[in-house]
Amino acid sequence: KKVAIQKNDLYYEGEFGLKKLLEHFNI
């Protein structure tokens, strides 16, 4: 899917952010 993400957003970049979850589940 296309996902709009705010630059430097903690919910994406943070220690428990979406980026790490996506990488972990290979999404």
mmCIF file of all heavy atoms, coordinates in Angstrom:
data_MODEL
# 
_entry.id   MODEL 
# 
loop_
_atom_site.group_PDB 
_atom_site.id 
_atom_site.type_symbol 
_atom_site.label_atom_id 
_atom_site.label_alt_id 
_atom_site.label_comp_id 
_atom_site.label_asym_id 
_atom_site.label_entity_id 
_atom_site.label_seq_id 
_atom_site.pdbx_PDB_ins_code 
_atom_site.Cartn_x 
_atom_site.Cartn_y 
_atom_site.Cartn_z 
_atom_site.occupancy 
_atom_site.B_iso_or_equiv 
_atom_site.pdbx_formal_charge 
_atom_site.auth_seq_id 
_atom_site.auth_comp_id 
_atom_site.auth_asym_id 
_atom_site.auth_atom_id 
_atom_site.pdbx_PDB_model_num 
ATOM 1   N N   . LYS A 1 1  ? 0.826  -1.203  0.000  1.00 0.00 ? 1  LYS A N   1 
ATOM 2   C CA  . LYS A 1 1  ? 0.000  0.000   0.000  1.00 0.00 ? 1  LYS A CA  1 
ATOM 3   C C   . LYS A 1 1  ? 0.865  1.260   0.000  1.00 0.00 ? 1  LYS A C   1 
ATOM 4   O O   . LYS A 1 1  ? 2.001  1.252   0.455  1.00 0.00 ? 1  LYS A O   1 
ATOM 5   C CB  . LYS A 1 1  ? -0.912 0.035   1.239  1.00 0.00 ? 1  LYS A CB  1 
ATOM 6   C CG  . LYS A 1 1  ? -1.841 -1.133  1.383  1.00 0.00 ? 1  LYS A CG  1 
ATOM 7   C CD  . LYS A 1 1  ? -3.036 -1.002  0.476  1.00 0.00 ? 1  LYS A CD  1 
ATOM 8   C CE  . LYS A 1 1  ? -4.116 -2.006  0.746  1.00 0.00 ? 1  LYS A CE  1 
ATOM 9   N NZ  . LYS A 1 1  ? -3.862 -3.377  0.470  1.00 0.00 ? 1  LYS A NZ  1 
ATOM 10  N N   . LYS A 1 2  ? 0.285  2.349   -0.502 1.00 0.00 ? 2  LYS A N   1 
ATOM 11  C CA  . LYS A 1 2  ? 0.905  3.665   -0.386 1.00 0.00 ? 2  LYS A CA  1 
ATOM 12  C C   . LYS A 1 2  ? 0.542  4.214   0.986  1.00 0.00 ? 2  LYS A C   1 
ATOM 13  O O   . LYS A 1 2  ? -0.622 4.191   1.376  1.00 0.00 ? 2  LYS A O   1 
ATOM 14  C CB  . LYS A 1 2  ? 0.380  4.615   -1.458 1.00 0.00 ? 2  LYS A CB  1 
ATOM 15  C CG  . LYS A 1 2  ? 0.867  4.305   -2.844 1.00 0.00 ? 2  LYS A CG  1 
ATOM 16  C CD  . LYS A 1 2  ? 0.357  5.341   -3.833 1.00 0.00 ? 2  LYS A CD  1 
ATOM 17  C CE  . LYS A 1 2  ? 0.829  4.984   -5.219 1.00 0.00 ? 2  LYS A CE  1 
ATOM 18  N NZ  . LYS A 1 2  ? 0.338  5.945   -6.220 1.00 0.00 ? 2  LYS A NZ  1 
ATOM 19  N N   . VAL A 1 3  ? 1.554  4.710   1.699  1.00 0.00 ? 3  VAL A N   1 
ATOM 20  C CA  . VAL A 1 3  ? 1.335  5.223   3.037  1.00 0.00 ? 3  VAL A CA  1 
ATOM 21  C C   . VAL A 1 3  ? 1.997  6.594   3.152  1.00 0.00 ? 3  VAL A C   1 
ATOM 22  O O   . VAL A 1 3  ? 3.199  6.726   2.903  1.00 0.00 ? 3  VAL A O   1 
ATOM 23  C CB  . VAL A 1 3  ? 1.905  4.278   4.118  1.00 0.00 ? 3  VAL A CB  1 
ATOM 24  C CG1 . VAL A 1 3  ? 1.681  4.829   5.512  1.00 0.00 ? 3  VAL A CG1 1 
ATOM 25  C CG2 . VAL A 1 3  ? 1.309  2.879   3.985  1.00 0.00 ? 3  VAL A CG2 1 
ATOM 26  N N   . ALA A 1 4  ? 1.220  7.604   3.509  1.00 0.00 ? 4  ALA A N   1 
ATOM 27  C CA  . ALA A 1 4  ? 1.759  8.948   3.732  1.00 0.00 ? 4  ALA A CA  1 
ATOM 28  C C   . ALA A 1 4  ? 2.303  8.997   5.159  1.00 0.00 ? 4  ALA A C   1 
ATOM 29  O O   . ALA A 1 4  ? 1.606  8.653   6.110  1.00 0.00 ? 4  ALA A O   1 
ATOM 30  C CB  . ALA A 1 4  ? 0.685  10.001  3.527  1.00 0.00 ? 4  ALA A CB  1 
ATOM 31  N N   . ILE A 1 5  ? 3.558  9.427   5.293  1.00 0.00 ? 5  ILE A N   1 
ATOM 32  C CA  . ILE A 1 5  ? 4.215  9.483   6.595  1.00 0.00 ? 5  ILE A CA  1 
ATOM 33  C C   . ILE A 1 5  ? 4.880  10.837  6.758  1.00 0.00 ? 5  ILE A C   1 
ATOM 34  O O   . ILE A 1 5  ? 5.573  11.306  5.858  1.00 0.00 ? 5  ILE A O   1 
ATOM 35  C CB  . ILE A 1 5  ? 5.271  8.354   6.724  1.00 0.00 ? 5  ILE A CB  1 
ATOM 36  C CG1 . ILE A 1 5  ? 4.582  6.987   6.649  1.00 0.00 ? 5  ILE A CG1 1 
ATOM 37  C CG2 . ILE A 1 5  ? 6.081  8.509   8.014  1.00 0.00 ? 5  ILE A CG2 1 
ATOM 38  C CD1 . ILE A 1 5  ? 5.526  5.814   6.638  1.00 0.00 ? 5  ILE A CD1 1 
ATOM 39  N N   . GLN A 1 6  ? 4.676  11.425  7.931  1.00 0.00 ? 6  GLN A N   1 
ATOM 40  C CA  . GLN A 1 6  ? 5.313  12.710  8.214  1.00 0.00 ? 6  GLN A CA  1 
ATOM 41  C C   . GLN A 1 6  ? 6.809  12.510  8.387  1.00 0.00 ? 6  GLN A C   1 
ATOM 42  O O   . GLN A 1 6  ? 7.246  11.587  9.071  1.00 0.00 ? 6  GLN A O   1 
ATOM 43  C CB  . GLN A 1 6  ? 4.721  13.318  9.483  1.00 0.00 ? 6  GLN A CB  1 
ATOM 44  C CG  . GLN A 1 6  ? 5.355  14.651  9.831  1.00 0.00 ? 6  GLN A CG  1 
ATOM 45  C CD  . GLN A 1 6  ? 4.660  15.316  10.974 1.00 0.00 ? 6  GLN A CD  1 
ATOM 46  O OE1 . GLN A 1 6  ? 3.533  15.723  10.829 1.00 0.00 ? 6  GLN A OE1 1 
ATOM 47  N NE2 . GLN A 1 6  ? 5.326  15.417  12.104 1.00 0.00 ? 6  GLN A NE2 1 
ATOM 48  N N   . LYS A 1 7  ? 7.600  13.383  7.765  1.00 0.00 ? 7  LYS A N   1 
ATOM 49  C CA  . LYS A 1 7  ? 9.053  13.312  7.871  1.00 0.00 ? 7  LYS A CA  1 
ATOM 50  C C   . LYS A 1 7  ? 9.483  13.364  9.336  1.00 0.00 ? 7  LYS A C   1 
ATOM 51  O O   . LYS A 1 7  ? 8.973  14.161  10.104 1.00 0.00 ? 7  LYS A O   1 
ATOM 52  C CB  . LYS A 1 7  ? 9.695  14.477  7.112  1.00 0.00 ? 7  LYS A CB  1 
ATOM 53  C CG  . LYS A 1 7  ? 9.452  14.444  5.632  1.00 0.00 ? 7  LYS A CG  1 
ATOM 54  C CD  . LYS A 1 7  ? 9.937  15.712  4.971  1.00 0.00 ? 7  LYS A CD  1 
ATOM 55  C CE  . LYS A 1 7  ? 9.499  15.729  3.522  1.00 0.00 ? 7  LYS A CE  1 
ATOM 56  N NZ  . LYS A 1 7  ? 9.614  17.065  2.940  1.00 0.00 ? 7  LYS A NZ  1 
ATOM 57  N N   . ASN A 1 8  ? 10.416 12.500  9.710  1.00 0.00 ? 8  ASN A N   1 
ATOM 58  C CA  . ASN A 1 8  ? 10.987 12.423  11.058 1.00 0.00 ? 8  ASN A CA  1 
ATOM 59  C C   . ASN A 1 8  ? 9.962  12.158  12.149 1.00 0.00 ? 8  ASN A C   1 
ATOM 60  O O   . ASN A 1 8  ? 10.182 12.508  13.299 1.00 0.00 ? 8  ASN A O   1 
ATOM 61  C CB  . ASN A 1 8  ? 11.770 13.700  11.400 1.00 0.00 ? 8  ASN A CB  1 
ATOM 62  C CG  . ASN A 1 8  ? 13.039 13.795  10.615 1.00 0.00 ? 8  ASN A CG  1 
ATOM 63  O OD1 . ASN A 1 8  ? 13.737 12.815  10.414 1.00 0.00 ? 8  ASN A OD1 1 
ATOM 64  N ND2 . ASN A 1 8  ? 13.345 14.986  10.148 1.00 0.00 ? 8  ASN A ND2 1 
ATOM 65  N N   . ASP A 1 9  ? 8.850  11.532  11.816 1.00 0.00 ? 9  ASP A N   1 
ATOM 66  C CA  . ASP A 1 9  ? 7.814  11.271  12.810 1.00 0.00 ? 9  ASP A CA  1 
ATOM 67  C C   . ASP A 1 9  ? 8.235  10.152  13.750 1.00 0.00 ? 9  ASP A C   1 
ATOM 68  O O   . ASP A 1 9  ? 8.689  9.092   13.313 1.00 0.00 ? 9  ASP A O   1 
ATOM 69  C CB  . ASP A 1 9  ? 6.500  10.902  12.123 1.00 0.00 ? 9  ASP A CB  1 
ATOM 70  C CG  . ASP A 1 9  ? 5.353  10.870  13.100 1.00 0.00 ? 9  ASP A CG  1 
ATOM 71  O OD1 . ASP A 1 9  ? 5.133  9.817   13.730 1.00 0.00 ? 9  ASP A OD1 1 
ATOM 72  O OD2 . ASP A 1 9  ? 4.695  11.904  13.244 1.00 0.00 ? 9  ASP A OD2 1 
ATOM 73  N N   . LEU A 1 10 ? 8.082  10.386  15.042 1.00 0.00 ? 10 LEU A N   1 
ATOM 74  C CA  . LEU A 1 10 ? 8.477  9.417   16.053 1.00 0.00 ? 10 LEU A CA  1 
ATOM 75  C C   . LEU A 1 10 ? 7.707  8.107   15.915 1.00 0.00 ? 10 LEU A C   1 
ATOM 76  O O   . LEU A 1 10 ? 8.234  7.036   16.196 1.00 0.00 ? 10 LEU A O   1 
ATOM 77  C CB  . LEU A 1 10 ? 8.255  10.011  17.447 1.00 0.00 ? 10 LEU A CB  1 
ATOM 78  C CG  . LEU A 1 10 ? 8.793  9.221   18.616 1.00 0.00 ? 10 LEU A CG  1 
ATOM 79  C CD1 . LEU A 1 10 ? 10.308 9.100   18.539 1.00 0.00 ? 10 LEU A CD1 1 
ATOM 80  C CD2 . LEU A 1 10 ? 8.394  9.885   19.915 1.00 0.00 ? 10 LEU A CD2 1 
ATOM 81  N N   . TYR A 1 11 ? 6.455  8.180   15.477 1.00 0.00 ? 11 TYR A N   1 
ATOM 82  C CA  . TYR A 1 11 ? 5.650  6.970   15.339 1.00 0.00 ? 11 TYR A CA  1 
ATOM 83  C C   . TYR A 1 11 ? 6.151  6.086   14.195 1.00 0.00 ? 11 TYR A C   1 
ATOM 84  O O   . TYR A 1 11 ? 5.869  4.897   14.150 1.00 0.00 ? 11 TYR A O   1 
ATOM 85  C CB  . TYR A 1 11 ? 4.176  7.304   15.117 1.00 0.00 ? 11 TYR A CB  1 
ATOM 86  C CG  . TYR A 1 11 ? 3.605  8.121   16.227 1.00 0.00 ? 11 TYR A CG  1 
ATOM 87  C CD1 . TYR A 1 11 ? 2.981  9.327   15.974 1.00 0.00 ? 11 TYR A CD1 1 
ATOM 88  C CD2 . TYR A 1 11 ? 3.708  7.700   17.547 1.00 0.00 ? 11 TYR A CD2 1 
ATOM 89  C CE1 . TYR A 1 11 ? 2.464  10.088  17.005 1.00 0.00 ? 11 TYR A CE1 1 
ATOM 90  C CE2 . TYR A 1 11 ? 3.202  8.463   18.577 1.00 0.00 ? 11 TYR A CE2 1 
ATOM 91  C CZ  . TYR A 1 11 ? 2.579  9.650   18.294 1.00 0.00 ? 11 TYR A CZ  1 
ATOM 92  O OH  . TYR A 1 11 ? 2.070  10.392  19.319 1.00 0.00 ? 11 TYR A OH  1 
ATOM 93  N N   . TYR A 1 12 ? 6.914  6.664   13.286 1.00 0.00 ? 12 TYR A N   1 
ATOM 94  C CA  . TYR A 1 12 ? 7.522  5.883   12.218 1.00 0.00 ? 12 TYR A CA  1 
ATOM 95  C C   . TYR A 1 12 ? 8.985  5.570   12.542 1.00 0.00 ? 12 TYR A C   1 
ATOM 96  O O   . TYR A 1 12 ? 9.412  4.433   12.488 1.00 0.00 ? 12 TYR A O   1 
ATOM 97  C CB  . TYR A 1 12 ? 7.419  6.617   10.880 1.00 0.00 ? 12 TYR A CB  1 
ATOM 98  C CG  . TYR A 1 12 ? 8.036  5.829   9.743  1.00 0.00 ? 12 TYR A CG  1 
ATOM 99  C CD1 . TYR A 1 12 ? 7.392  4.695   9.252  1.00 0.00 ? 12 TYR A CD1 1 
ATOM 100 C CD2 . TYR A 1 12 ? 9.258  6.173   9.205  1.00 0.00 ? 12 TYR A CD2 1 
ATOM 101 C CE1 . TYR A 1 12 ? 7.955  3.945   8.240  1.00 0.00 ? 12 TYR A CE1 1 
ATOM 102 C CE2 . TYR A 1 12 ? 9.831  5.428   8.185  1.00 0.00 ? 12 TYR A CE2 1 
ATOM 103 C CZ  . TYR A 1 12 ? 9.185  4.317   7.711  1.00 0.00 ? 12 TYR A CZ  1 
ATOM 104 O OH  . TYR A 1 12 ? 9.751  3.565   6.708  1.00 0.00 ? 12 TYR A OH  1 
ATOM 105 N N   . GLU A 1 13 ? 9.749  6.586   12.899 1.00 0.00 ? 13 GLU A N   1 
ATOM 106 C CA  . GLU A 1 13 ? 11.198 6.453   13.086 1.00 0.00 ? 13 GLU A CA  1 
ATOM 107 C C   . GLU A 1 13 ? 11.604 5.955   14.466 1.00 0.00 ? 13 GLU A C   1 
ATOM 108 O O   . GLU A 1 13 ? 12.712 5.474   14.634 1.00 0.00 ? 13 GLU A O   1 
ATOM 109 C CB  . GLU A 1 13 ? 11.878 7.812   12.860 1.00 0.00 ? 13 GLU A CB  1 
ATOM 110 C CG  . GLU A 1 13 ? 11.683 8.411   11.486 1.00 0.00 ? 13 GLU A CG  1 
ATOM 111 C CD  . GLU A 1 13 ? 12.537 7.761   10.423 1.00 0.00 ? 13 GLU A CD  1 
ATOM 112 O OE1 . GLU A 1 13 ? 13.482 7.029   10.764 1.00 0.00 ? 13 GLU A OE1 1 
ATOM 113 O OE2 . GLU A 1 13 ? 12.254 7.992   9.243  1.00 0.00 ? 13 GLU A OE2 1 
ATOM 114 N N   . GLY A 1 14 ? 10.751 6.105   15.465 1.00 0.00 ? 14 GLY A N   1 
ATOM 115 C CA  . GLY A 1 14 ? 11.104 5.843   16.858 1.00 0.00 ? 14 GLY A CA  1 
ATOM 116 C C   . GLY A 1 14 ? 11.472 4.406   17.168 1.00 0.00 ? 14 GLY A C   1 
ATOM 117 O O   . GLY A 1 14 ? 11.315 3.497   16.351 1.00 0.00 ? 14 GLY A O   1 
ATOM 118 N N   . GLU A 1 15 ? 11.952 4.234   18.379 1.00 0.00 ? 15 GLU A N   1 
ATOM 119 C CA  . GLU A 1 15 ? 12.405 2.923   18.842 1.00 0.00 ? 15 GLU A CA  1 
ATOM 120 C C   . GLU A 1 15 ? 11.328 1.847   18.736 1.00 0.00 ? 15 GLU A C   1 
ATOM 121 O O   . GLU A 1 15 ? 11.621 0.678   18.532 1.00 0.00 ? 15 GLU A O   1 
ATOM 122 C CB  . GLU A 1 15 ? 12.888 3.043   20.284 1.00 0.00 ? 15 GLU A CB  1 
ATOM 123 C CG  . GLU A 1 15 ? 14.082 3.975   20.419 1.00 0.00 ? 15 GLU A CG  1 
ATOM 124 C CD  . GLU A 1 15 ? 14.221 4.550   21.811 1.00 0.00 ? 15 GLU A CD  1 
ATOM 125 O OE1 . GLU A 1 15 ? 14.152 3.790   22.790 1.00 0.00 ? 15 GLU A OE1 1 
ATOM 126 O OE2 . GLU A 1 15 ? 14.392 5.776   21.905 1.00 0.00 ? 15 GLU A OE2 1 
ATOM 127 N N   . PHE A 1 16 ? 10.072 2.241   18.872 1.00 0.00 ? 16 PHE A N   1 
ATOM 128 C CA  . PHE A 1 16 ? 8.960  1.298   18.755 1.00 0.00 ? 16 PHE A CA  1 
ATOM 129 C C   . PHE A 1 16 ? 8.060  1.693   17.583 1.00 0.00 ? 16 PHE A C   1 
ATOM 130 O O   . PHE A 1 16 ? 6.876  1.390   17.580 1.00 0.00 ? 16 PHE A O   1 
ATOM 131 C CB  . PHE A 1 16 ? 8.151  1.272   20.064 1.00 0.00 ? 16 PHE A CB  1 
ATOM 132 C CG  . PHE A 1 16 ? 8.984  0.874   21.240 1.00 0.00 ? 16 PHE A CG  1 
ATOM 133 C CD1 . PHE A 1 16 ? 9.483  1.841   22.091 1.00 0.00 ? 16 PHE A CD1 1 
ATOM 134 C CD2 . PHE A 1 16 ? 9.291  -0.451  21.476 1.00 0.00 ? 16 PHE A CD2 1 
ATOM 135 C CE1 . PHE A 1 16 ? 10.270 1.486   23.186 1.00 0.00 ? 16 PHE A CE1 1 
ATOM 136 C CE2 . PHE A 1 16 ? 10.068 -0.816  22.559 1.00 0.00 ? 16 PHE A CE2 1 
ATOM 137 C CZ  . PHE A 1 16 ? 10.570 0.159   23.415 1.00 0.00 ? 16 PHE A CZ  1 
ATOM 138 N N   . GLY A 1 17 ? 8.651  2.362   16.606 1.00 0.00 ? 17 GLY A N   1 
ATOM 139 C CA  . GLY A 1 17 ? 7.882  2.908   15.494 1.00 0.00 ? 17 GLY A CA  1 
ATOM 140 C C   . GLY A 1 17 ? 7.524  1.895   14.424 1.00 0.00 ? 17 GLY A C   1 
ATOM 141 O O   . GLY A 1 17 ? 7.999  0.750   14.389 1.00 0.00 ? 17 GLY A O   1 
ATOM 142 N N   . LEU A 1 18 ? 6.689  2.363   13.517 1.00 0.00 ? 18 LEU A N   1 
ATOM 143 C CA  . LEU A 1 18 ? 6.187  1.542   12.423 1.00 0.00 ? 18 LEU A CA  1 
ATOM 144 C C   . LEU A 1 18 ? 7.306  1.000   11.530 1.00 0.00 ? 18 LEU A C   1 
ATOM 145 O O   . LEU A 1 18 ? 7.235  -0.133  11.062 1.00 0.00 ? 18 LEU A O   1 
ATOM 146 C CB  . LEU A 1 18 ? 5.187  2.358   11.587 1.00 0.00 ? 18 LEU A CB  1 
ATOM 147 C CG  . LEU A 1 18 ? 4.529  1.643   10.417 1.00 0.00 ? 18 LEU A CG  1 
ATOM 148 C CD1 . LEU A 1 18 ? 3.719  0.440   10.888 1.00 0.00 ? 18 LEU A CD1 1 
ATOM 149 C CD2 . LEU A 1 18 ? 3.645  2.623   9.638  1.00 0.00 ? 18 LEU A CD2 1 
ATOM 150 N N   . LYS A 1 19 ? 8.351  1.775   11.313 1.00 0.00 ? 19 LYS A N   1 
ATOM 151 C CA  . LYS A 1 19 ? 9.462  1.352   10.450 1.00 0.00 ? 19 LYS A CA  1 
ATOM 152 C C   . LYS A 1 19 ? 10.047 0.020   10.935 1.00 0.00 ? 19 LYS A C   1 
ATOM 153 O O   . LYS A 1 19 ? 10.237 -0.911  10.142 1.00 0.00 ? 19 LYS A O   1 
ATOM 154 C CB  . LYS A 1 19 ? 10.552 2.426   10.429 1.00 0.00 ? 19 LYS A CB  1 
ATOM 155 C CG  . LYS A 1 19 ? 11.732 2.103   9.552  1.00 0.00 ? 19 LYS A CG  1 
ATOM 156 C CD  . LYS A 1 19 ? 12.727 3.257   9.575  1.00 0.00 ? 19 LYS A CD  1 
ATOM 157 C CE  . LYS A 1 19 ? 13.918 2.981   8.698  1.00 0.00 ? 19 LYS A CE  1 
ATOM 158 N NZ  . LYS A 1 19 ? 14.861 4.113   8.698  1.00 0.00 ? 19 LYS A NZ  1 
ATOM 159 N N   . LYS A 1 20 ? 10.298 -0.080  12.223 1.00 0.00 ? 20 LYS A N   1 
ATOM 160 C CA  . LYS A 1 20 ? 10.875 -1.315  12.779 1.00 0.00 ? 20 LYS A CA  1 
ATOM 161 C C   . LYS A 1 20 ? 9.902  -2.485  12.658 1.00 0.00 ? 20 LYS A C   1 
ATOM 162 O O   . LYS A 1 20 ? 10.309 -3.610  12.371 1.00 0.00 ? 20 LYS A O   1 
ATOM 163 C CB  . LYS A 1 20 ? 11.289 -1.098  14.220 1.00 0.00 ? 20 LYS A CB  1 
ATOM 164 C CG  . LYS A 1 20 ? 12.437 -0.118  14.356 1.00 0.00 ? 20 LYS A CG  1 
ATOM 165 C CD  . LYS A 1 20 ? 13.240 -0.399  15.583 1.00 0.00 ? 20 LYS A CD  1 
ATOM 166 C CE  . LYS A 1 20 ? 14.251 0.666   15.849 1.00 0.00 ? 20 LYS A CE  1 
ATOM 167 N NZ  . LYS A 1 20 ? 15.424 0.709   15.113 1.00 0.00 ? 20 LYS A NZ  1 
ATOM 168 N N   . LEU A 1 21 ? 8.627  -2.226  12.864 1.00 0.00 ? 21 LEU A N   1 
ATOM 169 C CA  . LEU A 1 21 ? 7.628  -3.288  12.733 1.00 0.00 ? 21 LEU A CA  1 
ATOM 170 C C   . LEU A 1 21 ? 7.530  -3.790  11.293 1.00 0.00 ? 21 LEU A C   1 
ATOM 171 O O   . LEU A 1 21 ? 7.468  -5.003  11.053 1.00 0.00 ? 21 LEU A O   1 
ATOM 172 C CB  . LEU A 1 21 ? 6.259  -2.798  13.200 1.00 0.00 ? 21 LEU A CB  1 
ATOM 173 C CG  . LEU A 1 21 ? 6.115  -2.572  14.696 1.00 0.00 ? 21 LEU A CG  1 
ATOM 174 C CD1 . LEU A 1 21 ? 4.799  -1.885  15.006 1.00 0.00 ? 21 LEU A CD1 1 
ATOM 175 C CD2 . LEU A 1 21 ? 6.221  -3.890  15.446 1.00 0.00 ? 21 LEU A CD2 1 
ATOM 176 N N   . LEU A 1 22 ? 7.552  -2.858  10.354 1.00 0.00 ? 22 LEU A N   1 
ATOM 177 C CA  . LEU A 1 22 ? 7.475  -3.253  8.946  1.00 0.00 ? 22 LEU A CA  1 
ATOM 178 C C   . LEU A 1 22 ? 8.693  -4.094  8.556  1.00 0.00 ? 22 LEU A C   1 
ATOM 179 O O   . LEU A 1 22 ? 8.558  -5.102  7.854  1.00 0.00 ? 22 LEU A O   1 
ATOM 180 C CB  . LEU A 1 22 ? 7.367  -2.019  8.049  1.00 0.00 ? 22 LEU A CB  1 
ATOM 181 C CG  . LEU A 1 22 ? 6.093  -1.183  8.202  1.00 0.00 ? 22 LEU A CG  1 
ATOM 182 C CD1 . LEU A 1 22 ? 6.200  0.095   7.375  1.00 0.00 ? 22 LEU A CD1 1 
ATOM 183 C CD2 . LEU A 1 22 ? 4.855  -1.979  7.821  1.00 0.00 ? 22 LEU A CD2 1 
ATOM 184 N N   . GLU A 1 23 ? 9.865  -3.678  9.002  1.00 0.00 ? 23 GLU A N   1 
ATOM 185 C CA  . GLU A 1 23 ? 11.090 -4.439  8.716  1.00 0.00 ? 23 GLU A CA  1 
ATOM 186 C C   . GLU A 1 23 ? 11.019 -5.828  9.343  1.00 0.00 ? 23 GLU A C   1 
ATOM 187 O O   . GLU A 1 23 ? 11.364 -6.821  8.703  1.00 0.00 ? 23 GLU A O   1 
ATOM 188 C CB  . GLU A 1 23 ? 12.315 -3.682  9.245  1.00 0.00 ? 23 GLU A CB  1 
ATOM 189 C CG  . GLU A 1 23 ? 12.648 -2.445  8.452  1.00 0.00 ? 23 GLU A CG  1 
ATOM 190 C CD  . GLU A 1 23 ? 13.724 -1.581  9.114  1.00 0.00 ? 23 GLU A CD  1 
ATOM 191 O OE1 . GLU A 1 23 ? 14.208 -1.907  10.231 1.00 0.00 ? 23 GLU A OE1 1 
ATOM 192 O OE2 . GLU A 1 23 ? 14.070 -0.544  8.510  1.00 0.00 ? 23 GLU A OE2 1 
ATOM 193 N N   . HIS A 1 24 ? 10.582 -5.891  10.580 1.00 0.00 ? 24 HIS A N   1 
ATOM 194 C CA  . HIS A 1 24 ? 10.505 -7.159  11.295 1.00 0.00 ? 24 HIS A CA  1 
ATOM 195 C C   . HIS A 1 24 ? 9.593  -8.164  10.587 1.00 0.00 ? 24 HIS A C   1 
ATOM 196 O O   . HIS A 1 24 ? 9.903  -9.353  10.503 1.00 0.00 ? 24 HIS A O   1 
ATOM 197 C CB  . HIS A 1 24 ? 10.023 -6.927  12.730 1.00 0.00 ? 24 HIS A CB  1 
ATOM 198 C CG  . HIS A 1 24 ? 9.901  -8.177  13.531 1.00 0.00 ? 24 HIS A CG  1 
ATOM 199 N ND1 . HIS A 1 24 ? 10.995 -8.834  14.048 1.00 0.00 ? 24 HIS A ND1 1 
ATOM 200 C CD2 . HIS A 1 24 ? 8.813  -8.911  13.891 1.00 0.00 ? 24 HIS A CD2 1 
ATOM 201 C CE1 . HIS A 1 24 ? 10.587 -9.904  14.697 1.00 0.00 ? 24 HIS A CE1 1 
ATOM 202 N NE2 . HIS A 1 24 ? 9.276  -9.976  14.629 1.00 0.00 ? 24 HIS A NE2 1 
ATOM 203 N N   . PHE A 1 25 ? 8.474  -7.691  10.067 1.00 0.00 ? 25 PHE A N   1 
ATOM 204 C CA  . PHE A 1 25 ? 7.516  -8.574  9.405  1.00 0.00 ? 25 PHE A CA  1 
ATOM 205 C C   . PHE A 1 25 ? 7.675  -8.594  7.885  1.00 0.00 ? 25 PHE A C   1 
ATOM 206 O O   . PHE A 1 25 ? 6.855  -9.167  7.168  1.00 0.00 ? 25 PHE A O   1 
ATOM 207 C CB  . PHE A 1 25 ? 6.075  -8.168  9.766  1.00 0.00 ? 25 PHE A CB  1 
ATOM 208 C CG  . PHE A 1 25 ? 5.739  -8.436  11.203 1.00 0.00 ? 25 PHE A CG  1 
ATOM 209 C CD1 . PHE A 1 25 ? 5.658  -7.400  12.117 1.00 0.00 ? 25 PHE A CD1 1 
ATOM 210 C CD2 . PHE A 1 25 ? 5.529  -9.737  11.653 1.00 0.00 ? 25 PHE A CD2 1 
ATOM 211 C CE1 . PHE A 1 25 ? 5.353  -7.645  13.448 1.00 0.00 ? 25 PHE A CE1 1 
ATOM 212 C CE2 . PHE A 1 25 ? 5.229  -9.995  12.981 1.00 0.00 ? 25 PHE A CE2 1 
ATOM 213 C CZ  . PHE A 1 25 ? 5.142  -8.945  13.886 1.00 0.00 ? 25 PHE A CZ  1 
ATOM 214 N N   . ASN A 1 26 ? 8.766  -7.962  7.391  1.00 0.00 ? 26 ASN A N   1 
ATOM 215 C CA  . ASN A 1 26 ? 9.070  -7.919  5.959  1.00 0.00 ? 26 ASN A CA  1 
ATOM 216 C C   . ASN A 1 26 ? 7.880  -7.394  5.136  1.00 0.00 ? 26 ASN A C   1 
ATOM 217 O O   . ASN A 1 26 ? 7.518  -7.962  4.101  1.00 0.00 ? 26 ASN A O   1 
ATOM 218 C CB  . ASN A 1 26 ? 9.511  -9.298  5.456  1.00 0.00 ? 26 ASN A CB  1 
ATOM 219 C CG  . ASN A 1 26 ? 10.229 -9.188  4.126  1.00 0.00 ? 26 ASN A CG  1 
ATOM 220 O OD1 . ASN A 1 26 ? 10.851 -8.171  3.820  1.00 0.00 ? 26 ASN A OD1 1 
ATOM 221 N ND2 . ASN A 1 26 ? 10.115 -10.230 3.323  1.00 0.00 ? 26 ASN A ND2 1 
ATOM 222 N N   . ILE A 1 27 ? 7.302  -6.307  5.608  1.00 0.00 ? 27 ILE A N   1 
ATOM 223 C CA  . ILE A 1 27 ? 6.177  -5.673  4.923  1.00 0.00 ? 27 ILE A CA  1 
ATOM 224 C C   . ILE A 1 27 ? 6.717  -4.502  4.115  1.00 0.00 ? 27 ILE A C   1 
ATOM 225 O O   . ILE A 1 27 ? 7.421  -3.645  4.647  1.00 0.00 ? 27 ILE A O   1 
ATOM 226 C CB  . ILE A 1 27 ? 5.122  -5.184  5.944  1.00 0.00 ? 27 ILE A CB  1 
ATOM 227 C CG1 . ILE A 1 27 ? 4.583  -6.373  6.734  1.00 0.00 ? 27 ILE A CG1 1 
ATOM 228 C CG2 . ILE A 1 27 ? 4.006  -4.414  5.244  1.00 0.00 ? 27 ILE A CG2 1 
ATOM 229 C CD1 . ILE A 1 27 ? 3.742  -5.978  7.928  1.00 0.00 ? 27 ILE A CD1 1 
# 
